[in-house]
């Protein structure tokens, strides 16, 4: 249960880091979810070690972060 809560606590951090990478590298929109998932995996493995549970939670957190980013973008843009 703690790993699940920790994974979801990483969602805003992943969202922010994805935005930093997107602006620094001039990343195309289609690669944003991939970057979010990779950042989630890197953060989760770095903090919790390499276990199947941490990898699964990292992927979920990365996908949630990319969804949060997309929702925020649509909300701000008014689409």
N, C-alpha and C. Protein backbone atom coordinates (compact mmCIF):
# COMPACT_ATOMS: atom_id res chain seq x y z
N UNK A 1 0.81 -1.19 0.00
CA UNK A 1 0.00 0.00 0.00
C UNK A 1 0.86 1.26 0.00
N UNK A 2 1.96 1.21 0.74
CA UNK A 2 2.84 2.38 0.80
C UNK A 2 3.44 2.69 -0.57
N UNK A 3 3.77 1.65 -1.31
CA UNK A 3 4.35 1.85 -2.64
C UNK A 3 3.35 2.51 -3.57
N UNK A 4 2.08 2.15 -3.45
CA UNK A 4 1.04 2.75 -4.28
C UNK A 4 0.92 4.24 -3.97
N UNK A 5 0.86 4.58 -2.69
CA UNK A 5 0.75 5.98 -2.30
C UNK A 5 1.99 6.76 -2.71
N UNK A 6 3.15 6.14 -2.58
CA UNK A 6 4.39 6.80 -3.00
C UNK A 6 4.40 7.04 -4.49
N UNK A 7 3.90 6.07 -5.26
CA UNK A 7 3.85 6.22 -6.72
C UNK A 7 2.96 7.38 -7.14
N UNK A 8 1.83 7.52 -6.48
CA UNK A 8 0.93 8.61 -6.83
C UNK A 8 1.43 9.95 -6.30
N UNK A 9 2.24 9.92 -5.28
CA UNK A 9 2.85 11.17 -4.80
C UNK A 9 3.88 11.69 -5.81
N UNK A 10 4.41 10.81 -6.62
CA UNK A 10 5.39 11.21 -7.63
C UNK A 10 4.75 11.85 -8.87
N UNK A 11 3.45 11.72 -9.03
CA UNK A 11 2.77 12.22 -10.23
C UNK A 11 3.04 13.70 -10.47
N UNK A 12 2.86 14.60 -9.50
CA UNK A 12 3.15 16.01 -9.78
C UNK A 12 4.63 16.28 -10.05
N UNK A 13 5.50 15.51 -9.41
CA UNK A 13 6.93 15.67 -9.66
C UNK A 13 7.27 15.25 -11.08
N UNK A 14 6.71 14.14 -11.53
CA UNK A 14 6.94 13.67 -12.90
C UNK A 14 6.38 14.68 -13.89
N UNK A 15 5.21 15.23 -13.58
CA UNK A 15 4.61 16.24 -14.46
C UNK A 15 5.53 17.43 -14.63
N UNK A 16 6.06 17.93 -13.52
CA UNK A 16 6.96 19.08 -13.59
C UNK A 16 8.25 18.77 -14.32
N UNK A 17 8.84 17.62 -14.04
CA UNK A 17 10.08 17.25 -14.73
C UNK A 17 9.86 17.03 -16.22
N UNK A 18 8.71 16.48 -16.57
CA UNK A 18 8.39 16.30 -17.99
C UNK A 18 8.30 17.64 -18.69
N UNK A 19 7.70 18.61 -18.03
CA UNK A 19 7.60 19.95 -18.61
C UNK A 19 8.99 20.57 -18.78
N UNK A 20 9.86 20.37 -17.81
CA UNK A 20 11.23 20.89 -17.92
C UNK A 20 11.96 20.24 -19.09
N UNK A 21 11.84 18.93 -19.21
CA UNK A 21 12.50 18.22 -20.32
C UNK A 21 11.91 18.68 -21.65
N UNK A 22 10.59 18.83 -21.69
CA UNK A 22 9.93 19.24 -22.93
C UNK A 22 10.43 20.59 -23.42
N UNK A 23 10.58 21.51 -22.50
CA UNK A 23 11.05 22.85 -22.89
C UNK A 23 12.55 22.88 -23.18
N UNK A 24 13.33 22.11 -22.45
CA UNK A 24 14.78 22.12 -22.62
C UNK A 24 15.21 21.47 -23.93
N UNK A 25 14.51 20.44 -24.33
CA UNK A 25 14.91 19.66 -25.50
C UNK A 25 14.06 19.98 -26.73
N UNK A 26 13.03 20.83 -26.56
CA UNK A 26 12.07 21.11 -27.65
C UNK A 26 11.44 19.81 -28.11
N UNK A 27 10.88 19.09 -27.15
CA UNK A 27 10.31 17.76 -27.37
C UNK A 27 8.99 17.85 -28.14
N UNK A 28 8.81 16.93 -29.08
CA UNK A 28 7.54 16.85 -29.80
C UNK A 28 6.46 16.32 -28.87
N UNK A 29 5.22 16.73 -29.12
CA UNK A 29 4.10 16.35 -28.26
C UNK A 29 3.91 14.84 -28.16
N UNK A 30 4.19 14.14 -29.23
CA UNK A 30 3.93 12.70 -29.23
C UNK A 30 4.87 11.93 -28.31
N UNK A 31 6.00 12.54 -27.90
CA UNK A 31 6.95 11.86 -27.03
C UNK A 31 6.76 12.19 -25.55
N UNK A 32 5.84 13.09 -25.23
CA UNK A 32 5.64 13.51 -23.84
C UNK A 32 5.22 12.33 -22.95
N UNK A 33 4.26 11.48 -23.32
CA UNK A 33 3.92 10.34 -22.45
C UNK A 33 5.09 9.38 -22.25
N UNK A 34 5.87 9.16 -23.27
CA UNK A 34 7.02 8.28 -23.15
C UNK A 34 8.03 8.85 -22.16
N UNK A 35 8.30 10.14 -22.26
CA UNK A 35 9.23 10.79 -21.33
C UNK A 35 8.68 10.71 -19.91
N UNK A 36 7.38 10.90 -19.74
CA UNK A 36 6.78 10.83 -18.41
C UNK A 36 6.93 9.44 -17.81
N UNK A 37 6.71 8.41 -18.60
CA UNK A 37 6.86 7.04 -18.11
C UNK A 37 8.33 6.76 -17.78
N UNK A 38 9.24 7.17 -18.64
CA UNK A 38 10.66 6.95 -18.37
C UNK A 38 11.12 7.67 -17.11
N UNK A 39 10.67 8.90 -16.93
CA UNK A 39 11.02 9.64 -15.70
C UNK A 39 10.43 8.94 -14.48
N UNK A 40 9.22 8.44 -14.60
CA UNK A 40 8.61 7.70 -13.49
C UNK A 40 9.42 6.46 -13.13
N UNK A 41 9.85 5.72 -14.13
CA UNK A 41 10.64 4.51 -13.89
C UNK A 41 11.98 4.89 -13.25
N UNK A 42 12.63 5.90 -13.77
CA UNK A 42 13.93 6.31 -13.22
C UNK A 42 13.79 6.74 -11.76
N UNK A 43 12.78 7.56 -11.48
CA UNK A 43 12.58 8.02 -10.10
C UNK A 43 12.22 6.88 -9.16
N UNK A 44 11.30 6.03 -9.58
CA UNK A 44 10.85 4.96 -8.71
C UNK A 44 11.95 3.94 -8.46
N UNK A 45 12.68 3.57 -9.49
CA UNK A 45 13.77 2.61 -9.31
C UNK A 45 14.89 3.22 -8.46
N UNK A 46 15.15 4.51 -8.69
CA UNK A 46 16.17 5.17 -7.89
C UNK A 46 15.80 5.27 -6.42
N UNK A 47 14.54 5.41 -6.12
CA UNK A 47 14.11 5.58 -4.74
C UNK A 47 13.72 4.27 -4.05
N UNK A 48 13.17 3.31 -4.79
CA UNK A 48 12.67 2.08 -4.18
C UNK A 48 13.38 0.81 -4.62
N UNK A 49 14.26 0.91 -5.57
CA UNK A 49 14.93 -0.29 -6.06
C UNK A 49 14.16 -0.92 -7.21
N UNK A 50 14.76 -1.91 -7.80
CA UNK A 50 14.21 -2.55 -8.99
C UNK A 50 13.39 -3.77 -8.57
N UNK A 51 12.09 -3.59 -8.49
CA UNK A 51 11.17 -4.69 -8.22
C UNK A 51 10.03 -4.60 -9.23
N UNK A 52 9.37 -5.71 -9.48
CA UNK A 52 8.24 -5.64 -10.42
C UNK A 52 7.14 -4.68 -9.96
N UNK A 53 6.92 -4.61 -8.66
CA UNK A 53 5.90 -3.69 -8.14
C UNK A 53 6.28 -2.24 -8.38
N UNK A 54 7.56 -1.91 -8.16
CA UNK A 54 7.97 -0.52 -8.34
C UNK A 54 7.94 -0.13 -9.82
N UNK A 55 8.27 -1.05 -10.70
CA UNK A 55 8.21 -0.76 -12.13
C UNK A 55 6.76 -0.54 -12.56
N UNK A 56 5.86 -1.39 -12.08
CA UNK A 56 4.44 -1.24 -12.41
C UNK A 56 3.91 0.09 -11.90
N UNK A 57 4.23 0.43 -10.67
CA UNK A 57 3.77 1.69 -10.10
C UNK A 57 4.39 2.88 -10.84
N UNK A 58 5.63 2.75 -11.28
CA UNK A 58 6.28 3.83 -12.02
C UNK A 58 5.59 4.06 -13.36
N UNK A 59 5.21 3.00 -14.03
CA UNK A 59 4.51 3.13 -15.31
C UNK A 59 3.15 3.79 -15.10
N UNK A 60 2.44 3.36 -14.06
CA UNK A 60 1.14 3.96 -13.75
C UNK A 60 1.30 5.44 -13.40
N UNK A 61 2.32 5.75 -12.59
CA UNK A 61 2.55 7.15 -12.21
C UNK A 61 2.92 7.99 -13.43
N UNK A 62 3.74 7.46 -14.33
CA UNK A 62 4.10 8.19 -15.54
C UNK A 62 2.92 8.43 -16.45
N UNK A 63 2.07 7.43 -16.60
CA UNK A 63 0.86 7.61 -17.42
C UNK A 63 -0.12 8.57 -16.76
N UNK A 64 -0.22 8.50 -15.45
CA UNK A 64 -1.09 9.45 -14.74
C UNK A 64 -0.55 10.87 -14.88
N UNK A 65 0.77 11.01 -14.84
CA UNK A 65 1.38 12.34 -14.99
C UNK A 65 1.14 12.89 -16.38
N UNK A 66 1.24 12.05 -17.40
CA UNK A 66 0.99 12.55 -18.75
C UNK A 66 -0.48 12.90 -18.93
N UNK A 67 -1.37 12.17 -18.29
CA UNK A 67 -2.79 12.52 -18.33
C UNK A 67 -3.07 13.81 -17.59
N UNK A 68 -2.39 14.00 -16.45
CA UNK A 68 -2.54 15.24 -15.69
C UNK A 68 -2.02 16.42 -16.50
N UNK A 69 -0.91 16.23 -17.18
CA UNK A 69 -0.33 17.29 -18.02
C UNK A 69 -1.30 17.64 -19.15
N UNK A 70 -1.85 16.63 -19.77
CA UNK A 70 -2.79 16.86 -20.88
C UNK A 70 -4.06 17.56 -20.39
N UNK A 71 -4.56 17.14 -19.25
CA UNK A 71 -5.74 17.79 -18.68
C UNK A 71 -5.47 19.24 -18.33
N UNK A 72 -4.31 19.49 -17.73
CA UNK A 72 -3.93 20.86 -17.39
C UNK A 72 -3.78 21.73 -18.61
N UNK A 73 -3.21 21.17 -19.65
CA UNK A 73 -3.03 21.91 -20.90
C UNK A 73 -4.37 22.29 -21.50
N UNK A 74 -5.31 21.35 -21.51
CA UNK A 74 -6.62 21.62 -22.06
C UNK A 74 -7.39 22.62 -21.21
N UNK A 75 -7.21 22.56 -19.91
CA UNK A 75 -7.91 23.47 -19.01
C UNK A 75 -7.41 24.89 -19.18
N UNK A 76 -6.09 25.05 -19.25
CA UNK A 76 -5.51 26.38 -19.40
C UNK A 76 -5.82 26.96 -20.78
N UNK A 77 -5.76 26.12 -21.80
CA UNK A 77 -6.00 26.59 -23.16
C UNK A 77 -7.49 26.80 -23.43
N UNK A 78 -8.34 26.23 -22.60
CA UNK A 78 -9.78 26.40 -22.77
C UNK A 78 -10.35 25.59 -23.91
N UNK A 79 -9.78 24.45 -24.20
CA UNK A 79 -10.27 23.61 -25.29
C UNK A 79 -11.28 22.62 -24.82
